[in-house]
């Protein structure tokens, strides 16, 4: 099996600086039979960090795909392993050329879904969401309680 089924889509969206609904649907089609690999997760994060414009469907897909990968598809199920947390933080803190508006919601969703999350992920969730009104008060309280 190709470890990175979505590589062409990642390259194309970064080059054109936009993620269209057709791009999201293509990725969904490519990964529909299995979860995403670590390399594919890195590709999705690279798209988030480097692409300037994205359709509305991208936000939900990005958060759900990475949450599934880190919380539900990895073992032990329901936990974010320390090495996965370190990997995620490294990926998310790389240089950004796009707005990366979905990083904060991703981190909040990880805190919400996982039974145990590394404190560094919680700290980054608070940092990424500082000053954003998009978060509901209960979501902020959830992250603060986890800290």
C-alpha atoms as a PDB file:
ATOM      1  CA  UNK A   1       0.000   0.000   0.000  1.00  0.00           C
ATOM      2  CA  UNK A   2       1.231   3.491  -0.814  1.00  0.00           C
ATOM      3  CA  UNK A   3       2.022   5.210   2.477  1.00  0.00           C
ATOM      4  CA  UNK A   4       0.844   8.550   1.098  1.00  0.00           C
ATOM      5  CA  UNK A   5      -2.222   8.251  -1.117  1.00  0.00           C
ATOM      6  CA  UNK A   6      -2.933  11.987  -0.943  1.00  0.00           C
ATOM      7  CA  UNK A   7       0.494  13.376  -1.862  1.00  0.00           C
ATOM      8  CA  UNK A   8      -0.608  14.694  -5.265  1.00  0.00           C
ATOM      9  CA  UNK A   9      -3.548  16.562  -3.741  1.00  0.00           C
ATOM     10  CA  UNK A  10      -1.301  18.053  -1.050  1.00  0.00           C
ATOM     11  CA  UNK A  11       1.190  19.310  -3.635  1.00  0.00           C
ATOM     12  CA  UNK A  12      -1.540  20.651  -5.921  1.00  0.00           C
ATOM     13  CA  UNK A  13      -3.363  22.581  -3.180  1.00  0.00           C
ATOM     14  CA  UNK A  14      -0.151  24.129  -1.879  1.00  0.00           C
ATOM     15  CA  UNK A  15       0.842  25.196  -5.391  1.00  0.00           C
ATOM     16  CA  UNK A  16      -2.545  26.771  -6.149  1.00  0.00           C
ATOM     17  CA  UNK A  17      -2.860  28.190  -2.588  1.00  0.00           C
ATOM     18  CA  UNK A  18      -6.452  27.026  -2.157  1.00  0.00           C
ATOM     19  CA  UNK A  19      -8.348  23.990  -0.973  1.00  0.00           C
ATOM     20  CA  UNK A  20     -11.594  23.532  -2.898  1.00  0.00           C
ATOM     21  CA  UNK A  21     -14.514  21.259  -2.097  1.00  0.00           C
ATOM     22  CA  UNK A  22     -13.369  18.977  -4.920  1.00  0.00           C
ATOM     23  CA  UNK A  23      -9.960  18.636  -3.214  1.00  0.00           C
ATOM     24  CA  UNK A  24     -11.588  17.638   0.086  1.00  0.00           C
ATOM     25  CA  UNK A  25     -13.826  15.127  -1.693  1.00  0.00           C
ATOM     26  CA  UNK A  26     -10.838  13.671  -3.541  1.00  0.00           C
ATOM     27  CA  UNK A  27      -8.938  13.156  -0.296  1.00  0.00           C
ATOM     28  CA  UNK A  28     -11.998  11.584   1.299  1.00  0.00           C
ATOM     29  CA  UNK A  29     -12.324   9.204  -1.656  1.00  0.00           C
ATOM     30  CA  UNK A  30      -8.642   8.279  -1.493  1.00  0.00           C
ATOM     31  CA  UNK A  31      -8.752   7.442   2.219  1.00  0.00           C
ATOM     32  CA  UNK A  32     -12.271   6.047   2.507  1.00  0.00           C
ATOM     33  CA  UNK A  33     -11.240   2.416   3.035  1.00  0.00           C
ATOM     34  CA  UNK A  34      -8.780   3.052   5.842  1.00  0.00           C
ATOM     35  CA  UNK A  35      -7.578   5.700   8.233  1.00  0.00           C
ATOM     36  CA  UNK A  36      -4.773   8.033   7.327  1.00  0.00           C
ATOM     37  CA  UNK A  37      -1.094   7.226   7.731  1.00  0.00           C
ATOM     38  CA  UNK A  38       1.336   9.409   9.657  1.00  0.00           C
ATOM     39  CA  UNK A  39       2.689  10.729   6.329  1.00  0.00           C
ATOM     40  CA  UNK A  40      -0.830  11.603   5.194  1.00  0.00           C
ATOM     41  CA  UNK A  41      -1.546  13.319   8.518  1.00  0.00           C
ATOM     42  CA  UNK A  42       1.619  15.369   7.977  1.00  0.00           C
ATOM     43  CA  UNK A  43       0.349  16.248   4.499  1.00  0.00           C
ATOM     44  CA  UNK A  44      -2.963  17.499   5.900  1.00  0.00           C
ATOM     45  CA  UNK A  45      -1.121  19.581   8.494  1.00  0.00           C
ATOM     46  CA  UNK A  46       1.179  20.952   5.778  1.00  0.00           C
ATOM     47  CA  UNK A  47      -1.899  21.982   3.759  1.00  0.00           C
ATOM     48  CA  UNK A  48      -3.368  23.715   6.799  1.00  0.00           C
ATOM     49  CA  UNK A  49      -0.111  25.565   7.514  1.00  0.00           C
ATOM     50  CA  UNK A  50       0.691  26.559   3.935  1.00  0.00           C
ATOM     51  CA  UNK A  51      -2.542  27.170   2.010  1.00  0.00           C
ATOM     52  CA  UNK A  52      -4.066  30.637   2.087  1.00  0.00           C
ATOM     53  CA  UNK A  53      -7.712  29.841   1.286  1.00  0.00           C
ATOM     54  CA  UNK A  54      -9.900  26.845   2.022  1.00  0.00           C
ATOM     55  CA  UNK A  55     -13.536  25.933   1.473  1.00  0.00           C
ATOM     56  CA  UNK A  56     -15.818  25.495   4.473  1.00  0.00           C
ATOM     57  CA  UNK A  57     -15.704  21.686   4.199  1.00  0.00           C
ATOM     58  CA  UNK A  58     -11.957  21.697   4.833  1.00  0.00           C
ATOM     59  CA  UNK A  59     -12.268  22.784   8.481  1.00  0.00           C
ATOM     60  CA  UNK A  60     -14.532  19.925   9.502  1.00  0.00           C
ATOM     61  CA  UNK A  61     -12.581  17.371   7.474  1.00  0.00           C
ATOM     62  CA  UNK A  62      -9.198  18.507   8.843  1.00  0.00           C
ATOM     63  CA  UNK A  63     -10.331  18.359  12.480  1.00  0.00           C
ATOM     64  CA  UNK A  64     -12.175  15.039  12.107  1.00  0.00           C
ATOM     65  CA  UNK A  65      -9.438  13.265  10.111  1.00  0.00           C
ATOM     66  CA  UNK A  66      -6.641  14.208  12.499  1.00  0.00           C
ATOM     67  CA  UNK A  67      -8.736  13.503  15.590  1.00  0.00           C
ATOM     68  CA  UNK A  68      -9.594  10.055  14.224  1.00  0.00           C
ATOM     69  CA  UNK A  69      -5.946   9.399  13.405  1.00  0.00           C
ATOM     70  CA  UNK A  70      -4.555  10.468  16.788  1.00  0.00           C
ATOM     71  CA  UNK A  71      -7.329   9.379  19.153  1.00  0.00           C
ATOM     72  CA  UNK A  72      -9.231   6.495  17.580  1.00  0.00           C
ATOM     73  CA  UNK A  73      -6.951   4.786  15.039  1.00  0.00           C
ATOM     74  CA  UNK A  74      -3.755   4.691  17.128  1.00  0.00           C
ATOM     75  CA  UNK A  75      -3.252   2.353  20.055  1.00  0.00           C
ATOM     76  CA  UNK A  76      -4.122   2.549  22.842  1.00  0.00           C
ATOM     77  CA  UNK A  77      -7.487   3.793  21.595  1.00  0.00           C
ATOM     78  CA  UNK A  78      -8.746   6.972  23.241  1.00  0.00           C
ATOM     79  CA  UNK A  79      -5.325   8.210  24.307  1.00  0.00           C
ATOM     80  CA  UNK A  80      -2.801  10.454  22.609  1.00  0.00           C
ATOM     81  CA  UNK A  81       0.567   8.834  23.185  1.00  0.00           C
ATOM     82  CA  UNK A  82       3.414  11.074  24.337  1.00  0.00           C
ATOM     83  CA  UNK A  83       5.404  10.466  21.139  1.00  0.00           C
ATOM     84  CA  UNK A  84       2.339  11.335  19.032  1.00  0.00           C
ATOM     85  CA  UNK A  85       1.833  14.523  21.039  1.00  0.00           C
ATOM     86  CA  UNK A  86       5.483  15.512  20.483  1.00  0.00           C
ATOM     87  CA  UNK A  87       5.164  14.765  16.753  1.00  0.00           C
ATOM     88  CA  UNK A  88       1.929  16.786  16.489  1.00  0.00           C
ATOM     89  CA  UNK A  89       3.387  19.801  18.289  1.00  0.00           C
ATOM     90  CA  UNK A  90       6.464  19.730  16.070  1.00  0.00           C
ATOM     91  CA  UNK A  91       4.298  19.622  12.931  1.00  0.00           C
ATOM     92  CA  UNK A  92       1.941  22.365  14.103  1.00  0.00           C
ATOM     93  CA  UNK A  93       4.731  24.708  15.163  1.00  0.00           C
ATOM     94  CA  UNK A  94       6.557  24.625  11.833  1.00  0.00           C
ATOM     95  CA  UNK A  95       6.565  27.868   9.855  1.00  0.00           C
ATOM     96  CA  UNK A  96       3.209  28.915   8.447  1.00  0.00           C
ATOM     97  CA  UNK A  97       2.501  30.721   5.225  1.00  0.00           C
ATOM     98  CA  UNK A  98      -1.265  30.339   5.509  1.00  0.00           C
ATOM     99  CA  UNK A  99      -3.653  31.382   8.274  1.00  0.00           C
ATOM    100  CA  UNK A 100      -3.949  27.866   9.823  1.00  0.00           C
ATOM    101  CA  UNK A 101      -7.331  28.762  11.304  1.00  0.00           C
ATOM    102  CA  UNK A 102      -8.204  25.147  12.093  1.00  0.00           C
ATOM    103  CA  UNK A 103      -5.249  24.342  14.355  1.00  0.00           C
ATOM    104  CA  UNK A 104      -6.987  25.763  17.428  1.00  0.00           C
ATOM    105  CA  UNK A 105     -10.248  23.881  16.843  1.00  0.00           C
ATOM    106  CA  UNK A 106      -8.258  20.682  16.170  1.00  0.00           C
ATOM    107  CA  UNK A 107      -6.452  20.969  19.507  1.00  0.00           C
ATOM    108  CA  UNK A 108      -9.684  21.655  21.395  1.00  0.00           C
ATOM    109  CA  UNK A 109     -11.287  18.629  19.746  1.00  0.00           C
ATOM    110  CA  UNK A 110      -8.333  16.439  20.718  1.00  0.00           C
ATOM    111  CA  UNK A 111      -8.642  17.551  24.347  1.00  0.00           C
ATOM    112  CA  UNK A 112     -12.391  16.878  24.211  1.00  0.00           C
ATOM    113  CA  UNK A 113     -12.150  13.432  22.596  1.00  0.00           C
ATOM    114  CA  UNK A 114      -9.082  11.865  24.216  1.00  0.00           C
ATOM    115  CA  UNK A 115      -9.110  10.383  27.697  1.00  0.00           C
ATOM    116  CA  UNK A 116      -5.537  11.563  28.258  1.00  0.00           C
ATOM    117  CA  UNK A 117      -3.654  14.364  26.518  1.00  0.00           C
ATOM    118  CA  UNK A 118      -0.087  15.541  27.082  1.00  0.00           C
ATOM    119  CA  UNK A 119       0.103  18.882  28.914  1.00  0.00           C
ATOM    120  CA  UNK A 120       2.057  20.375  26.009  1.00  0.00           C
ATOM    121  CA  UNK A 121      -0.941  19.781  23.712  1.00  0.00           C
ATOM    122  CA  UNK A 122      -3.226  21.475  26.234  1.00  0.00           C
ATOM    123  CA  UNK A 123      -0.841  24.436  26.506  1.00  0.00           C
ATOM    124  CA  UNK A 124      -0.721  24.762  22.722  1.00  0.00           C
ATOM    125  CA  UNK A 125      -4.536  24.552  22.572  1.00  0.00           C
ATOM    126  CA  UNK A 126      -4.773  27.486  24.966  1.00  0.00           C
ATOM    127  CA  UNK A 127      -2.151  29.449  23.025  1.00  0.00           C
ATOM    128  CA  UNK A 128      -3.725  28.807  19.614  1.00  0.00           C
ATOM    129  CA  UNK A 129      -7.178  29.788  20.840  1.00  0.00           C
ATOM    130  CA  UNK A 130      -6.184  32.861  22.824  1.00  0.00           C
ATOM    131  CA  UNK A 131      -8.410  35.737  21.811  1.00  0.00           C
ATOM    132  CA  UNK A 132     -10.564  33.763  19.395  1.00  0.00           C
ATOM    133  CA  UNK A 133     -14.254  34.355  19.816  1.00  0.00           C
ATOM    134  CA  UNK A 134     -15.087  31.310  17.690  1.00  0.00           C
ATOM    135  CA  UNK A 135     -14.711  29.065  20.726  1.00  0.00           C
ATOM    136  CA  UNK A 136     -17.739  28.637  22.920  1.00  0.00           C
ATOM    137  CA  UNK A 137     -17.244  29.269  26.650  1.00  0.00           C
ATOM    138  CA  UNK A 138     -17.695  25.548  27.523  1.00  0.00           C
ATOM    139  CA  UNK A 139     -14.905  24.638  25.074  1.00  0.00           C
ATOM    140  CA  UNK A 140     -12.505  27.098  26.682  1.00  0.00           C
ATOM    141  CA  UNK A 141     -13.475  25.820  30.116  1.00  0.00           C
ATOM    142  CA  UNK A 142     -12.844  22.230  28.971  1.00  0.00           C
ATOM    143  CA  UNK A 143      -9.313  23.043  27.860  1.00  0.00           C
ATOM    144  CA  UNK A 144      -8.592  25.050  31.011  1.00  0.00           C
ATOM    145  CA  UNK A 145      -9.870  22.209  33.217  1.00  0.00           C
ATOM    146  CA  UNK A 146      -7.620  19.773  31.402  1.00  0.00           C
ATOM    147  CA  UNK A 147      -4.641  22.046  32.085  1.00  0.00           C
END
